[in-house]
PDB file of N, CA and C in Angstrom:
ATOM      1  N   MET A   1      36.298  95.303  72.672  1.00  0.00           N
ATOM      2  CA  MET A   1      34.727  95.271  73.456  1.00  0.00           C
ATOM      3  C   MET A   1      35.416  95.587  74.383  1.00  0.00           C
ATOM      4  N   ALA A   2      34.952  96.974  75.193  1.00  0.00           N
ATOM      5  CA  ALA A   2      35.339  98.416  75.707  1.00  0.00           C
ATOM      6  C   ALA A   2      33.983  98.071  76.780  1.00  0.00           C
ATOM      7  N   THR A   3      34.522  98.427  78.479  1.00  0.00           N
ATOM      8  CA  THR A   3      33.768  97.917  78.799  1.00  0.00           C
ATOM      9  C   THR A   3      32.319  98.866  79.449  1.00  0.00           C
ATOM     10  N   GLY A   4      32.341 100.178  78.278  1.00  0.00           N
ATOM     11  CA  GLY A   4      30.979 100.989  78.548  1.00  0.00           C
ATOM     12  C   GLY A   4      29.976  99.994  77.355  1.00  0.00           C
ATOM     13  N   HIS A   5      30.319  99.448  76.293  1.00  0.00           N
ATOM     14  CA  HIS A   5      29.280  98.635  75.679  1.00  0.00           C
ATOM     15  C   HIS A   5      28.457  97.756  76.201  1.00  0.00           C
ATOM     16  N   ILE A   6      27.502  97.488  75.327  1.00  0.00           N
ATOM     17  CA  ILE A   6      26.766  96.750  76.275  1.00  0.00           C
ATOM     18  C   ILE A   6      26.706  95.391  74.700  1.00  0.00           C
ATOM     19  N   ASN A   7      27.078  94.423  74.631  1.00  0.00           N
ATOM     20  CA  ASN A   7      26.976  93.616  73.607  1.00  0.00           C
ATOM     21  C   ASN A   7      25.986  92.216  73.472  1.00  0.00           C
ATOM     22  N   CYS A   8      25.724  92.291  72.482  1.00  0.00           N
ATOM     23  CA  CYS A   8      24.569  90.627  72.611  1.00  0.00           C
ATOM     24  C   CYS A   8      25.690  89.147  72.439  1.00  0.00           C
ATOM     25  N   VAL A   9      25.365  88.619  72.986  1.00  0.00           N
ATOM     26  CA  VAL A   9      25.444  87.124  72.882  1.00  0.00           C
ATOM     27  C   VAL A   9      24.489  86.612  72.760  1.00  0.00           C
ATOM     28  N   VAL A  10      24.662  85.865  70.924  1.00  0.00           N
ATOM     29  CA  VAL A  10      23.612  84.608  70.631  1.00  0.00           C
ATOM     30  C   VAL A  10      24.755  83.313  69.976  1.00  0.00           C
ATOM     31  N   ALA A  11      24.159  82.376  71.380  1.00  0.00           N
ATOM     32  CA  ALA A  11      24.592  81.200  70.742  1.00  0.00           C
ATOM     33  C   ALA A  11      23.478  80.368  70.168  1.00  0.00           C
ATOM     34  N   PHE A  12      23.820  79.497  69.892  1.00  0.00           N
ATOM     35  CA  PHE A  12      22.461  77.941  68.764  1.00  0.00           C
ATOM     36  C   PHE A  12      23.552  77.224  68.911  1.00  0.00           C
ATOM     37  N   ILE A  13      23.001  76.115  70.087  1.00  0.00           N
ATOM     38  CA  ILE A  13      23.973  74.842  71.087  1.00  0.00           C
ATOM     39  C   ILE A  13      22.852  74.585  70.498  1.00  0.00           C
ATOM     40  N   GLN A  14      23.027  72.421  70.992  1.00  0.00           N
ATOM     41  CA  GLN A  14      22.314  71.499  70.853  1.00  0.00           C
ATOM     42  C   GLN A  14      21.709  71.244  72.199  1.00  0.00           C
ATOM     43  N   PRO A  15      20.615  71.109  71.921  1.00  0.00           N
ATOM     44  CA  PRO A  15      19.324  71.441  73.307  1.00  0.00           C
ATOM     45  C   PRO A  15      19.729  70.658  74.480  1.00  0.00           C
ATOM     46  N   PHE A  16      20.206  69.217  74.213  1.00  0.00           N
ATOM     47  CA  PHE A  16      20.977  68.752  75.397  1.00  0.00           C
ATOM     48  C   PHE A  16      21.981  68.980  76.115  1.00  0.00           C
ATOM     49  N   GLN A  17      22.590  70.632  75.604  1.00  0.00           N
ATOM     50  CA  GLN A  17      23.195  70.522  76.345  1.00  0.00           C
ATOM     51  C   GLN A  17      23.199  72.031  77.032  1.00  0.00           C
ATOM     52  N   VAL A  18      21.715  72.697  76.905  1.00  0.00           N
ATOM     53  CA  VAL A  18      20.802  73.685  77.671  1.00  0.00           C
ATOM     54  C   VAL A  18      21.622  74.248  79.143  1.00  0.00           C
ATOM     55  N   GLU A  19      20.860  72.765  79.739  1.00  0.00           N
ATOM     56  CA  GLU A  19      21.254  72.384  81.545  1.00  0.00           C
ATOM     57  C   GLU A  19      22.499  73.179  81.300  1.00  0.00           C
ATOM     58  N   LYS A  20      23.095  72.104  81.672  1.00  0.00           N
ATOM     59  CA  LYS A  20      24.873  72.571  81.258  1.00  0.00           C
ATOM     60  C   LYS A  20      25.860  73.778  81.166  1.00  0.00           C
ATOM     61  N   VAL A  21      25.304  74.783  79.766  1.00  0.00           N
ATOM     62  CA  VAL A  21      25.411  75.956  79.428  1.00  0.00           C
ATOM     63  C   VAL A  21      25.079  77.018  80.810  1.00  0.00           C
ATOM     64  N   VAL A  22      23.766  77.102  81.606  1.00  0.00           N
ATOM     65  CA  VAL A  22      23.052  77.447  82.288  1.00  0.00           C
ATOM     66  C   VAL A  22      23.957  77.500  83.525  1.00  0.00           C
ATOM     67  N   ASP A  23      23.964  76.161  84.182  1.00  0.00           N
ATOM     68  CA  ASP A  23      24.756  76.361  85.548  1.00  0.00           C
ATOM     69  C   ASP A  23      26.072  76.262  85.417  1.00  0.00           C
ATOM     70  N   ALA A  24      27.057  76.586  83.965  1.00  0.00           N
ATOM     71  CA  ALA A  24      28.220  77.125  84.147  1.00  0.00           C
ATOM     72  C   ALA A  24      27.848  78.447  83.704  1.00  0.00           C
ATOM     73  N   LEU A  25      26.772  79.361  83.188  1.00  0.00           N
ATOM     74  CA  LEU A  25      26.586  80.718  82.956  1.00  0.00           C
ATOM     75  C   LEU A  25      26.858  81.619  84.403  1.00  0.00           C
ATOM     76  N   ARG A  26      25.779  80.359  85.303  1.00  0.00           N
ATOM     77  CA  ARG A  26      25.403  81.218  86.512  1.00  0.00           C
ATOM     78  C   ARG A  26      26.412  81.620  87.740  1.00  0.00           C
ATOM     79  N   GLN A  27      27.679  80.956  87.302  1.00  0.00           N
ATOM     80  CA  GLN A  27      29.043  80.876  87.974  1.00  0.00           C
ATOM     81  C   GLN A  27      29.805  82.069  87.699  1.00  0.00           C
ATOM     82  N   ILE A  28      29.593  82.569  86.826  1.00  0.00           N
ATOM     83  CA  ILE A  28      29.835  84.254  86.179  1.00  0.00           C
ATOM     84  C   ILE A  28      29.674  85.445  87.548  1.00  0.00           C
ATOM     85  N   PRO A  29      30.539  85.337  87.737  1.00  0.00           N
ATOM     86  CA  PRO A  29      29.979  86.883  89.250  1.00  0.00           C
ATOM     87  C   PRO A  29      29.633  88.018  87.827  1.00  0.00           C
ATOM     88  N   GLY A  30      27.932  88.594  88.538  1.00  0.00           N
ATOM     89  CA  GLY A  30      27.627  89.115  88.340  1.00  0.00           C
ATOM     90  C   GLY A  30      27.069  89.143  86.643  1.00  0.00           C
ATOM     91  N   PHE A  31      26.625  87.802  86.562  1.00  0.00           N
ATOM     92  CA  PHE A  31      25.773  87.290  85.424  1.00  0.00           C
ATOM     93  C   PHE A  31      24.989  87.832  84.994  1.00  0.00           C
ATOM     94  N   PRO A  32      24.800  88.820  83.914  1.00  0.00           N
ATOM     95  CA  PRO A  32      22.995  89.465  83.732  1.00  0.00           C
ATOM     96  C   PRO A  32      22.008  88.910  83.698  1.00  0.00           C
ATOM     97  N   GLY A  33      21.962  87.441  83.474  1.00  0.00           N
ATOM     98  CA  GLY A  33      20.976  86.191  82.692  1.00  0.00           C
ATOM     99  C   GLY A  33      20.779  86.311  81.326  1.00  0.00           C
ATOM    100  N   MET A  34      19.823  86.052  80.944  1.00  0.00           N
ATOM    101  CA  MET A  34      19.948  85.202  80.015  1.00  0.00           C
ATOM    102  C   MET A  34      18.354  84.785  79.085  1.00  0.00           C
ATOM    103  N   SER A  35      18.009  84.419  77.885  1.00  0.00           N
ATOM    104  CA  SER A  35      16.955  84.227  77.472  1.00  0.00           C
ATOM    105  C   SER A  35      16.804  82.941  76.778  1.00  0.00           C
ATOM    106  N   VAL A  36      16.288  81.950  76.727  1.00  0.00           N
ATOM    107  CA  VAL A  36      17.071  81.242  75.741  1.00  0.00           C
ATOM    108  C   VAL A  36      15.466  80.168  75.489  1.00  0.00           C
ATOM    109  N   SER A  37      15.189  80.017  73.871  1.00  0.00           N
ATOM    110  CA  SER A  37      14.644  79.589  72.696  1.00  0.00           C
ATOM    111  C   SER A  37      14.676  78.760  72.322  1.00  0.00           C
ATOM    112  N   ASP A  38      13.742  77.492  72.259  1.00  0.00           N
ATOM    113  CA  ASP A  38      13.604  76.716  71.529  1.00  0.00           C
ATOM    114  C   ASP A  38      13.462  77.067  69.409  1.00  0.00           C
ATOM    115  N   VAL A  39      14.694  77.237  68.741  1.00  0.00           N
ATOM    116  CA  VAL A  39      14.793  77.188  67.250  1.00  0.00           C
ATOM    117  C   VAL A  39      14.781  75.665  66.537  1.00  0.00           C
ATOM    118  N   ARG A  40      14.452  76.327  64.828  1.00  0.00           N
ATOM    119  CA  ARG A  40      15.005  74.891  63.955  1.00  0.00           C
ATOM    120  C   ARG A  40      15.867  75.329  63.173  1.00  0.00           C
ATOM    121  N   GLY A  41      16.462  75.026  62.654  1.00  0.00           N
ATOM    122  CA  GLY A  41      17.619  75.456  61.457  1.00  0.00           C
ATOM    123  C   GLY A  41      18.485  74.558  60.992  1.00  0.00           C
ATOM    124  N   PHE A  42      19.106  74.785  59.923  1.00  0.00           N
ATOM    125  CA  PHE A  42      20.133  73.979  59.712  1.00  0.00           C
ATOM    126  C   PHE A  42      22.022  75.126  58.874  1.00  0.00           C
ATOM    127  N   GLY A  43      22.700  74.261  59.639  1.00  0.00           N
ATOM    128  CA  GLY A  43      23.769  74.437  59.313  1.00  0.00           C
ATOM    129  C   GLY A  43      24.805  75.163  57.797  1.00  0.00           C
ATOM    130  N   ARG A  44      25.594  74.510  57.492  1.00  0.00           N
ATOM    131  CA  ARG A  44      26.322  74.903  56.039  1.00  0.00           C
ATOM    132  C   ARG A  44      25.838  73.261  56.021  1.00  0.00           C
ATOM    133  N   HIS A  45      27.053  72.283  57.164  1.00  0.00           N
ATOM    134  CA  HIS A  45      26.494  70.787  56.101  1.00  0.00           C
ATOM    135  C   HIS A  45      25.264  70.449  56.213  1.00  0.00           C
ATOM    136  N   ASP A  46      24.076  70.189  56.927  1.00  0.00           N
ATOM    137  CA  ASP A  46      23.110  70.272  56.239  1.00  0.00           C
ATOM    138  C   ASP A  46      22.331  70.876  55.460  1.00  0.00           C
ATOM    139  N   ALA A  47      22.931  71.709  54.785  1.00  0.00           N
ATOM    140  CA  ALA A  47      22.384  72.504  53.448  1.00  0.00           C
ATOM    141  C   ALA A  47      22.391  72.010  52.070  1.00  0.00           C
ATOM    142  N   HIS A  48      21.928  70.623  52.253  1.00  0.00           N
ATOM    143  CA  HIS A  48      22.055  70.289  50.822  1.00  0.00           C
ATOM    144  C   HIS A  48      20.205  70.237  50.365  1.00  0.00           C
ATOM    145  N   SER A  49      19.831  69.718  49.015  1.00  0.00           N
ATOM    146  CA  SER A  49      18.687  69.196  48.602  1.00  0.00           C
ATOM    147  C   SER A  49      18.333  68.149  48.193  1.00  0.00           C
ATOM    148  N   PRO A  50      17.169  67.635  48.516  1.00  0.00           N
ATOM    149  CA  PRO A  50      17.471  66.312  48.891  1.00  0.00           C
ATOM    150  C   PRO A  50      17.933  65.458  47.751  1.00  0.00           C
ATOM    151  N   ARG A  51      18.534  64.361  47.802  1.00  0.00           N
ATOM    152  CA  ARG A  51      19.684  63.199  47.382  1.00  0.00           C
ATOM    153  C   ARG A  51      18.556  62.447  46.200  1.00  0.00           C
ATOM    154  N   LYS A  52      18.791  61.797  45.115  1.00  0.00           N
ATOM    155  CA  LYS A  52      18.053  61.206  44.945  1.00  0.00           C
ATOM    156  C   LYS A  52      17.470  60.069  45.346  1.00  0.00           C
ATOM    157  N   GLU A  53      17.827  59.621  46.951  1.00  0.00           N
ATOM    158  CA  GLU A  53      17.334  58.378  47.573  1.00  0.00           C
ATOM    159  C   GLU A  53      16.898  59.027  48.438  1.00  0.00           C
ATOM    160  N   GLU A  54      16.535  60.289  49.043  1.00  0.00           N
ATOM    161  CA  GLU A  54      15.617  60.956  49.377  1.00  0.00           C
ATOM    162  C   GLU A  54      14.379  61.492  49.672  1.00  0.00           C
ATOM    163  N   ARG A  55      13.232  61.193  49.973  1.00  0.00           N
ATOM    164  CA  ARG A  55      12.386  61.934  49.760  1.00  0.00           C
ATOM    165  C   ARG A  55      12.463  63.298  49.819  1.00  0.00           C
ATOM    166  N   SER A  56      11.708  64.103  49.306  1.00  0.00           N
ATOM    167  CA  SER A  56      11.836  65.692  49.118  1.00  0.00           C
ATOM    168  C   SER A  56      11.017  65.936  50.043  1.00  0.00           C
ATOM    169  N   GLU A  57      10.476  65.972  51.212  1.00  0.00           N
ATOM    170  CA  GLU A  57       9.220  66.161  52.067  1.00  0.00           C
ATOM    171  C   GLU A  57      10.238  65.645  53.335  1.00  0.00           C
ATOM    172  N   VAL A  58      11.643  65.855  53.176  1.00  0.00           N
ATOM    173  CA  VAL A  58      12.642  64.984  54.641  1.00  0.00           C
ATOM    174  C   VAL A  58      12.568  66.809  55.124  1.00  0.00           C
ATOM    175  N   ASP A  59      12.518  66.378  56.021  1.00  0.00           N
ATOM    176  CA  ASP A  59      12.615  67.989  56.941  1.00  0.00           C
ATOM    177  C   ASP A  59      14.254  67.931  57.232  1.00  0.00           C
ATOM    178  N   PRO A  60      14.694  69.468  56.405  1.00  0.00           N
ATOM    179  CA  PRO A  60      16.129  69.451  56.962  1.00  0.00           C
ATOM    180  C   PRO A  60      16.927  70.247  57.910  1.00  0.00           C
ATOM    181  N   PHE A  61      15.614  70.821  59.148  1.00  0.00           N
ATOM    182  CA  PHE A  61      15.702  71.305  60.004  1.00  0.00           C
ATOM    183  C   PHE A  61      16.253  71.050  61.510  1.00  0.00           C
ATOM    184  N   GLN A  62      16.856  70.810  62.111  1.00  0.00           N
ATOM    185  CA  GLN A  62      17.482  70.357  63.281  1.00  0.00           C
ATOM    186  C   GLN A  62      16.564  71.372  64.476  1.00  0.00           C
ATOM    187  N   SER A  63      16.600  70.898  65.715  1.00  0.00           N
ATOM    188  CA  SER A  63      16.307  71.425  66.948  1.00  0.00           C
ATOM    189  C   SER A  63      17.482  72.170  67.049  1.00  0.00           C
ATOM    190  N   ARG A  64      17.462  73.310  67.289  1.00  0.00           N
ATOM    191  CA  ARG A  64      18.599  73.769  68.538  1.00  0.00           C
ATOM    192  C   ARG A  64      18.001  74.653  69.374  1.00  0.00           C
ATOM    193  N   ALA A  65      18.884  75.180  70.987  1.00  0.00           N
ATOM    194  CA  ALA A  65      18.369  76.035  71.178  1.00  0.00           C
ATOM    195  C   ALA A  65      19.422  77.055  70.973  1.00  0.00           C
ATOM    196  N   ARG A  66      18.103  78.387  70.729  1.00  0.00           N
ATOM    197  CA  ARG A  66      19.796  79.489  71.241  1.00  0.00           C
ATOM    198  C   ARG A  66      19.263  80.175  72.181  1.00  0.00           C
ATOM    199  N   VAL A  67      20.431  80.750  72.556  1.00  0.00           N
ATOM    200  CA  VAL A  67      21.012  81.025  74.045  1.00  0.00           C
ATOM    201  C   VAL A  67      21.145  82.609  73.779  1.00  0.00           C
ATOM    202  N   GLU A  68      20.559  83.963  74.175  1.00  0.00           N
ATOM    203  CA  GLU A  68      21.065  85.463  73.893  1.00  0.00           C
ATOM    204  C   GLU A  68      21.242  85.676  75.447  1.00  0.00           C
ATOM    205  N   ILE A  69      21.762  86.212  75.550  1.00  0.00           N
ATOM    206  CA  ILE A  69      22.930  87.207  77.175  1.00  0.00           C
ATOM    207  C   ILE A  69      23.049  88.532  76.507  1.00  0.00           C
ATOM    208  N   PHE A  70      22.508  89.616  76.934  1.00  0.00           N
ATOM    209  CA  PHE A  70      23.343  91.052  77.121  1.00  0.00           C
ATOM    210  C   PHE A  70      24.281  91.186  78.008  1.00  0.00           C
ATOM    211  N   ALA A  71      25.047  91.664  77.523  1.00  0.00           N
ATOM    212  CA  ALA A  71      25.834  92.051  78.905  1.00  0.00           C
ATOM    213  C   ALA A  71      27.071  93.184  79.065  1.00  0.00           C
ATOM    214  N   SER A  72      27.617  93.955  79.321  1.00  0.00           N
ATOM    215  CA  SER A  72      29.244  94.837  79.216  1.00  0.00           C
ATOM    216  C   SER A  72      29.996  94.011  78.588  1.00  0.00           C
ATOM    217  N   GLY A  73      31.130  95.108  77.623  1.00  0.00           N
ATOM    218  CA  GLY A  73      31.728  94.514  77.185  1.00  0.00           C
ATOM    219  C   GLY A  73      32.655  93.649  78.283  1.00  0.00           C
ATOM    220  N   GLY A  74      32.851  93.911  79.212  1.00  0.00           N
ATOM    221  CA  GLY A  74      34.144  92.898  79.763  1.00  0.00           C
ATOM    222  C   GLY A  74      33.404  92.396  80.603  1.00  0.00           C
ATOM    223  N   GLN A  75      32.146  91.626  80.100  1.00  0.00           N
ATOM    224  CA  GLN A  75      32.196  90.575  80.323  1.00  0.00           C
ATOM    225  C   GLN A  75      31.674  89.307  79.336  1.00  0.00           C
ATOM    226  N   VAL A  76      31.894  89.921  78.119  1.00  0.00           N
ATOM    227  CA  VAL A  76      31.966  89.249  77.213  1.00  0.00           C
ATOM    228  C   VAL A  76      32.830  87.631  77.100  1.00  0.00           C
ATOM    229  N   PRO A  77      33.610  88.408  77.627  1.00  0.00           N
ATOM    230  CA  PRO A  77      35.137  87.335  76.735  1.00  0.00           C
ATOM    231  C   PRO A  77      34.745  86.214  78.005  1.00  0.00           C
ATOM    232  N   ALA A  78      33.744  86.146  79.443  1.00  0.00           N
ATOM    233  CA  ALA A  78      34.278  85.195  79.605  1.00  0.00           C
ATOM    234  C   ALA A  78      33.325  84.297  79.600  1.00  0.00           C
ATOM    235  N   ILE A  79      31.491  85.011  79.382  1.00  0.00           N
ATOM    236  CA  ILE A  79      30.186  84.795  78.713  1.00  0.00           C
ATOM    237  C   ILE A  79      30.691  83.419  77.448  1.00  0.00           C
ATOM    238  N   VAL A  80      31.757  84.341  76.565  1.00  0.00           N
ATOM    239  CA  VAL A  80      31.896  83.407  75.148  1.00  0.00           C
ATOM    240  C   VAL A  80      32.326  81.372  75.462  1.00  0.00           C
ATOM    241  N   GLU A  81      33.267  82.180  76.407  1.00  0.00           N
ATOM    242  CA  GLU A  81      33.975  80.771  76.752  1.00  0.00           C
ATOM    243  C   GLU A  81      33.774  79.870  77.626  1.00  0.00           C
ATOM    244  N   THR A  82      32.428  80.579  78.428  1.00  0.00           N
ATOM    245  CA  THR A  82      32.109  79.648  79.269  1.00  0.00           C
ATOM    246  C   THR A  82      30.562  79.050  78.036  1.00  0.00           C
ATOM    247  N   ILE A  83      30.176  79.636  77.741  1.00  0.00           N
ATOM    248  CA  ILE A  83      29.175  78.695  76.266  1.00  0.00           C
ATOM    249  C   ILE A  83      30.639  77.831  75.618  1.00  0.00           C
ATOM    250  N   ARG A  84      31.174  78.326  75.050  1.00  0.00           N
ATOM    251  CA  ARG A  84      32.395  77.319  74.970  1.00  0.00           C
ATOM    252  C   ARG A  84      32.600  76.478  74.838  1.00  0.00           C
ATOM    253  N   GLN A  85      33.059  76.237  76.025  1.00  0.00           N
ATOM    254  CA  GLN A  85      33.199  74.873  77.024  1.00  0.00           C
ATOM    255  C   GLN A  85      32.299  74.176  77.435  1.00  0.00           C
ATOM    256  N   SER A  86      31.492  74.759  77.571  1.00  0.00           N
ATOM    257  CA  SER A  86      29.926  73.879  78.686  1.00  0.00           C
ATOM    258  C   SER A  86      29.730  73.724  77.609  1.00  0.00           C
ATOM    259  N   ALA A  87      29.226  74.046  75.850  1.00  0.00           N
ATOM    260  CA  ALA A  87      28.361  73.779  74.635  1.00  0.00           C
ATOM    261  C   ALA A  87      28.844  72.090  74.613  1.00  0.00           C
ATOM    262  N   ARG A  88      30.275  72.566  74.270  1.00  0.00           N
ATOM    263  CA  ARG A  88      31.177  71.476  73.463  1.00  0.00           C
ATOM    264  C   ARG A  88      30.657  69.887  74.035  1.00  0.00           C
ATOM    265  N   THR A  89      30.624  69.056  72.245  1.00  0.00           N
ATOM    266  CA  THR A  89      30.789  67.459  72.541  1.00  0.00           C
ATOM    267  C   THR A  89      31.815  67.237  71.718  1.00  0.00           C
ATOM    268  N   GLY A  90      32.102  68.228  70.876  1.00  0.00           N
ATOM    269  CA  GLY A  90      34.219  67.203  70.120  1.00  0.00           C
ATOM    270  C   GLY A  90      32.906  67.445  68.610  1.00  0.00           C
ATOM    271  N   HIS A  91      32.183  66.660  68.901  1.00  0.00           N
ATOM    272  CA  HIS A  91      31.580  66.715  67.394  1.00  0.00           C
ATOM    273  C   HIS A  91      30.597  67.906  66.184  1.00  0.00           C
ATOM    274  N   ALA A  92      30.285  67.001  64.997  1.00  0.00           N
ATOM    275  CA  ALA A  92      29.453  68.147  64.295  1.00  0.00           C
ATOM    276  C   ALA A  92      28.429  68.837  64.572  1.00  0.00           C
ATOM    277  N   GLY A  93      28.027  70.227  64.480  1.00  0.00           N
ATOM    278  CA  GLY A  93      26.566  70.398  65.337  1.00  0.00           C
ATOM    279  C   GLY A  93      26.405  70.839  66.374  1.00  0.00           C
ATOM    280  N   ASP A  94      28.234  71.389  67.148  1.00  0.00           N
ATOM    281  CA  ASP A  94      27.475  71.508  68.775  1.00  0.00           C
ATOM    282  C   ASP A  94      27.514  73.367  68.699  1.00  0.00           C
ATOM    283  N   GLY A  95      27.304  73.863  67.576  1.00  0.00           N
ATOM    284  CA  GLY A  95      26.801  74.893  67.636  1.00  0.00           C
ATOM    285  C   GLY A  95      27.673  76.094  67.106  1.00  0.00           C
ATOM    286  N   ILE A  96      27.267  77.327  67.687  1.00  0.00           N
ATOM    287  CA  ILE A  96      27.933  78.526  66.552  1.00  0.00           C
ATOM    288  C   ILE A  96      27.624  80.124  67.986  1.00  0.00           C
ATOM    289  N   ILE A  97      28.928  80.619  68.152  1.00  0.00           N
ATOM    290  CA  ILE A  97      28.340  82.103  68.852  1.00  0.00           C
ATOM    291  C   ILE A  97      28.662  83.376  67.814  1.00  0.00           C
ATOM    292  N   PHE A  98      27.916  83.974  68.467  1.00  0.00           N
ATOM    293  CA  PHE A  98      27.660  85.617  67.494  1.00  0.00           C
ATOM    294  C   PHE A  98      27.923  86.252  68.960  1.00  0.00           C
ATOM    295  N   VAL A  99      28.408  87.599  68.634  1.00  0.00           N
ATOM    296  CA  VAL A  99      29.061  89.178  69.364  1.00  0.00           C
ATOM    297  C   VAL A  99      28.422  90.038  68.997  1.00  0.00           C
ATOM    298  N   THR A 100      27.273  90.824  69.062  1.00  0.00           N
ATOM    299  CA  THR A 100      27.421  91.787  67.877  1.00  0.00           C
ATOM    300  C   THR A 100      27.152  93.163  69.342  1.00  0.00           C
ATOM    301  N   ASP A 101      27.572  94.168  68.903  1.00  0.00           N
ATOM    302  CA  ASP A 101      27.388  95.721  69.514  1.00  0.00           C
ATOM    303  C   ASP A 101      25.709  96.106  69.448  1.00  0.00           C
ATOM    304  N   VAL A 102      25.572  96.378  70.801  1.00  0.00           N
ATOM    305  CA  VAL A 102      23.872  97.101  71.137  1.00  0.00           C
ATOM    306  C   VAL A 102      23.821  98.322  70.814  1.00  0.00           C
ATOM    307  N   GLY A 103      23.337  99.126  69.927  1.00  0.00           N
ATOM    308  CA  GLY A 103      23.380 100.957  70.143  1.00  0.00           C
ATOM    309  C   GLY A 103      23.147 101.513  71.166  1.00  0.00           C
ATOM    310  N   TRP A 104      21.936 100.852  71.927  1.00  0.00           N
ATOM    311  CA  TRP A 104      21.563 101.159  72.767  1.00  0.00           C
ATOM    312  C   TRP A 104      20.516 100.606  73.436  1.00  0.00           C
ATOM    313  N   ALA A 105      20.211 101.014  75.355  1.00  0.00           N
ATOM    314  CA  ALA A 105      19.524  99.841  75.825  1.00  0.00           C
ATOM    315  C   ALA A 105      18.413 101.075  76.235  1.00  0.00           C
ATOM    316  N   LEU A 106      17.514 100.768  77.529  1.00  0.00           N
ATOM    317  CA  LEU A 106      16.434 101.480  77.782  1.00  0.00           C
ATOM    318  C   LEU A 106      16.221 100.950  79.329  1.00  0.00           C
ATOM    319  N   ARG A 107      16.057 100.575  80.183  1.00  0.00           N
ATOM    320  CA  ARG A 107      14.957  99.605  81.206  1.00  0.00           C
ATOM    321  C   ARG A 107      13.716 100.411  81.448  1.00  0.00           C
ATOM    322  N   ILE A 108      13.102  99.924  80.754  1.00  0.00           N
ATOM    323  CA  ILE A 108      11.320 100.161  81.116  1.00  0.00           C
ATOM    324  C   ILE A 108      10.782 101.308  81.870  1.00  0.00           C
ATOM    325  N   ARG A 109      10.985 100.413  83.516  1.00  0.00           N
ATOM    326  CA  ARG A 109      10.211 100.501  84.739  1.00  0.00           C
ATOM    327  C   ARG A 109      11.899 102.196  85.063  1.00  0.00           C
ATOM    328  N   SER A 110      12.623 102.044  85.113  1.00  0.00           N
ATOM    329  CA  SER A 110      13.611 103.065  85.583  1.00  0.00           C
ATOM    330  C   SER A 110      14.155 104.114  84.758  1.00  0.00           C
ATOM    331  N   GLY A 111      13.718 104.155  83.516  1.00  0.00           N
ATOM    332  CA  GLY A 111      14.642 104.885  82.419  1.00  0.00           C
ATOM    333  C   GLY A 111      15.722 104.985  82.434  1.00  0.00           C
ATOM    334  N   ARG A 112      16.608 103.645  83.259  1.00  0.00           N
ATOM    335  CA  ARG A 112      17.908 103.904  83.011  1.00  0.00           C
ATOM    336  C   ARG A 112      18.618 103.372  81.429  1.00  0.00           C
ATOM    337  N   GLN A 113      19.666 103.928  81.557  1.00  0.00           N
ATOM    338  CA  GLN A 113      20.004 103.665  79.725  1.00  0.00           C
ATOM    339  C   GLN A 113      21.610 103.135  79.304  1.00  0.00           C
ATOM    340  N   GLY A 114      21.439 102.720  78.574  1.00  0.00           N
ATOM    341  CA  GLY A 114      23.285 102.178  78.435  1.00  0.00           C
ATOM    342  C   GLY A 114      23.470 101.138  79.544  1.00  0.00           C
ATOM    343  N   PRO A 115      24.620 101.049  79.474  1.00  0.00           N
ATOM    344  CA  PRO A 115      25.384  99.628  80.100  1.00  0.00           C
ATOM    345  C   PRO A 115      24.103  99.753  81.596  1.00  0.00           C
ATOM    346  N   GLU A 116      23.647 100.739  82.451  1.00  0.00           N
ATOM    347  CA  GLU A 116      23.530 101.193  83.635  1.00  0.00           C
ATOM    348  C   GLU A 116      21.575 100.524  83.384  1.00  0.00           C
ATOM    349  N   ALA A 117      21.787  99.922  82.200  1.00  0.00           N
ATOM    350  CA  ALA A 117      19.817  99.872  82.322  1.00  0.00           C
ATOM    351  C   ALA A 117      20.179  97.878  81.942  1.00  0.00           C
ATOM    352  N   LEU A 118      21.363  97.849  82.752  1.00  0.00           N
ATOM    353  CA  LEU A 118      21.896  96.134  83.096  1.00  0.00           C
ATOM    354  C   LEU A 118      22.169  95.627  83.996  1.00  0.00           C
ATOM    355  N   ARG A 119      22.549  96.810  84.574  1.00  0.00           N
ATOM    356  CA  ARG A 119      22.632  96.899  86.485  1.00  0.00           C
ATOM    357  C   ARG A 119      20.998  95.955  87.232  1.00  0.00           C
ATOM    358  N   HIS A 120      22.062  95.350  87.770  1.00  0.00           N
ATOM    359  CA  HIS A 120      20.479  94.989  89.008  1.00  0.00           C
ATOM    360  C   HIS A 120      20.564  96.005  89.891  1.00  0.00           C
ATOM    361  N   GLY A 121      19.660  96.155  90.185  1.00  0.00           N
ATOM    362  CA  GLY A 121      18.965  97.098  91.604  1.00  0.00           C
ATOM    363  C   GLY A 121      17.473  96.782  92.140  1.00  0.00           C
ATOM    364  N   ASP A 122      17.325  96.981  93.877  1.00  0.00           N
ATOM    365  CA  ASP A 122      16.173  96.832  94.359  1.00  0.00           C
ATOM    366  C   ASP A 122      15.204  98.140  93.706  1.00  0.00           C
ATOM    367  N   GLU A 123      15.773  98.681  93.040  1.00  0.00           N
ATOM    368  CA  GLU A 123      14.822  99.631  92.040  1.00  0.00           C
ATOM    369  C   GLU A 123      14.556  99.250  90.544  1.00  0.00           C
ATOM    370  N   ASP A 124      14.139  97.735  90.695  1.00  0.00           N
ATOM    371  CA  ASP A 124      13.794  97.405  89.284  1.00  0.00           C
ATOM    372  C   ASP A 124      13.155  96.666  89.455  1.00  0.00           C
TER     373      ASP A 124
END
């Protein structure tokens, strides 16, 4: 994760951990910001067909929060570790974090591209 690259960090966490995660991420110097969405889904441990004793209309989906952060590669290790520490309860279903490369970014108003598109400034 070179500093000249942009990465996307996506974390699926327990909804009741969002405030704790946001507070912790805001402590990272130069934190670029984030988006949070309410989502529903299930992981491997919940992906079963209804058992004989279960009704077929049982909803297998669990509520989760999706945290999405676009950051320069140099910030990613601190972001990932902060999410891991602040979202962890120690119980199954704490969540998962994904990091992917972003091919290109463009700030609409200023036209700045690449990692410069993430830079905060008065002109945006």
